[in-house]
Protein backbone atom coordinates (compact mmCIF):
# COMPACT_ATOMS: atom_id res chain seq x y z
CA MET A 1 -0.05 0.04 -0.05
CA MET A 2 1.31 3.44 -1.04
CA LYS A 3 0.31 6.56 0.65
CA ARG A 4 0.97 10.16 0.01
CA MET A 5 0.98 13.02 2.51
CA THR A 6 -0.80 16.12 2.89
CA ARG A 7 0.16 18.36 5.80
CA LYS A 8 -2.49 20.04 8.04
CA ARG A 9 -1.49 22.76 10.46
CA ASN A 10 -3.56 24.20 13.20
CA LYS A 11 -1.15 27.07 13.71
CA PRO A 12 2.00 28.22 11.90
CA THR A 13 4.89 25.79 12.64
CA PRO A 14 8.40 25.55 11.23
CA VAL A 15 8.81 23.62 7.93
CA VAL A 16 9.49 19.91 8.57
CA ARG A 17 13.13 18.95 7.77
CA ASP A 18 13.23 15.45 6.22
CA ASP A 19 16.27 14.61 8.52
CA ARG A 20 14.62 15.26 11.78
CA ALA A 21 10.82 15.32 11.46
CA SER A 22 10.53 14.03 15.09
CA GLN A 23 11.54 17.54 16.17
CA GLU A 24 8.42 19.25 14.88
CA SER A 25 4.91 18.95 15.89
CA VAL A 26 3.36 17.97 12.56
CA LEU A 27 -0.06 16.38 11.93
CA ALA A 28 0.11 14.63 8.57
CA VAL A 29 -2.79 13.28 6.50
CA LEU A 30 -1.76 10.27 4.66
CA VAL A 31 -3.93 9.34 1.80
CA ASP A 32 -4.04 5.72 0.52
CA ILE A 33 -3.62 5.98 -3.26
CA ASP A 34 -5.47 2.68 -3.70
CA ASN A 35 -8.68 3.47 -1.89
CA GLY A 36 -8.52 7.13 -1.04
CA HIS A 37 -8.72 6.40 2.78
CA GLU A 38 -7.23 9.12 4.90
CA TYR A 39 -5.15 8.43 7.98
CA TYR A 40 -4.27 11.26 10.53
CA MET A 41 -0.68 10.75 11.81
CA SER A 42 1.70 12.48 14.04
CA PHE A 43 5.53 12.30 13.41
CA ILE A 44 7.85 10.83 15.81
CA ASP A 45 11.01 10.39 13.80
CA ALA A 46 12.63 10.27 10.39
CA PHE A 47 15.91 8.51 9.63
CA GLN A 48 18.01 6.86 7.05
CA TYR A 49 19.13 3.12 7.53
CA LYS A 50 21.10 1.08 4.94
CA GLY A 51 20.52 3.58 2.11
CA ARG A 52 16.69 3.81 2.68
CA GLU A 53 14.69 6.60 4.28
CA TYR A 54 12.11 5.75 6.98
CA VAL A 55 9.50 7.74 9.03
CA VAL A 56 7.91 6.71 12.38
CA MET A 57 4.51 7.88 13.08
CA TYR A 58 1.43 7.11 15.33
CA PRO A 59 -2.23 7.58 14.61
CA TYR A 60 -3.34 10.98 15.79
CA GLU A 61 -6.20 11.16 18.27
CA PRO A 62 -7.33 14.16 20.13
CA ASP A 63 -6.22 13.89 23.78
CA ASP A 64 -9.42 13.13 25.58
CA GLY A 65 -7.70 11.00 28.23
CA GLN A 66 -9.71 7.86 27.16
CA HIS A 67 -7.42 6.46 24.41
CA LYS A 68 -4.95 3.69 25.00
CA ASN A 69 -1.17 4.06 24.03
CA PRO A 70 -0.91 4.57 20.38
CA GLU A 71 0.77 2.07 18.08
CA LEU A 72 3.82 3.01 16.11
CA THR A 73 3.90 2.92 12.38
CA ILE A 74 7.11 2.63 10.45
CA LEU A 75 7.07 3.34 6.66
CA ARG A 76 9.52 3.65 3.95
CA SER A 77 9.75 7.18 2.76
CA MET A 78 10.49 8.31 -0.84
CA ARG A 79 10.15 11.36 -2.91
CA HIS A 80 8.67 10.89 -6.40
CA GLU A 81 10.31 12.50 -9.39
CA ASN A 82 7.35 15.01 -9.44
CA GLY A 83 8.39 16.09 -5.88
CA GLU A 84 5.57 14.53 -3.97
CA GLN A 85 6.43 12.61 -0.79
CA TYR A 86 5.28 8.95 -0.68
CA TYR A 87 5.18 6.52 2.18
CA LEU A 88 5.12 2.71 1.56
CA SER A 89 4.24 -0.08 3.79
CA ILE A 90 7.18 -2.40 4.60
CA LYS A 91 6.06 -5.88 3.67
CA ASN A 92 9.42 -7.67 4.42
CA ARG A 93 9.38 -8.64 8.01
CA ARG A 94 13.21 -8.60 8.32
CA GLU A 95 13.46 -5.04 6.94
CA LEU A 96 10.66 -3.89 9.24
CA GLU A 97 12.31 -5.39 12.16
CA ALA A 98 15.63 -3.89 11.32
CA ALA A 99 14.07 -0.40 10.89
CA PHE A 100 12.30 -0.82 14.23
CA ASN A 101 15.45 -1.84 16.02
CA HIS A 102 17.42 1.08 14.44
CA PHE A 103 14.67 3.48 15.64
CA PHE A 104 14.56 1.97 19.01
CA LYS A 105 18.41 2.46 19.49
CA ARG A 106 17.94 6.16 18.42
CA PHE A 107 15.07 6.49 20.96
CA GLU A 108 17.14 4.90 23.72
CA ALA A 109 19.98 7.19 22.85
CA SER A 110 17.89 10.30 22.99
CA GLY A 111 17.15 9.77 26.74
CA PHE A 112 13.30 9.66 26.38
CA SER A 113 13.07 5.98 27.10
CA SER A 114 13.99 6.56 30.76
């Protein structure tokens, strides 16, 4: 499944840098190009690993105090020749596991895991 992103901003925020999307509070709307379904996501991190670019997000839900801990989503990121940003599902279990392990090491090194 391929998705493209449309950014929605409630108030002016700095432009997201592809190298550190996790530093920005960005709500993204991912649109599934196969069925048109929209997914509201918040960025956690973006990184390169073994020559590929990845982004880590979680489903956006307004904080009403009643939702459980969000699940992480890791997608492969690529920019189309027309300039649009695309995110692809990772179907290879080993690639997904390696990307998650790399993200988790970055997360631990950042000091947020304590």
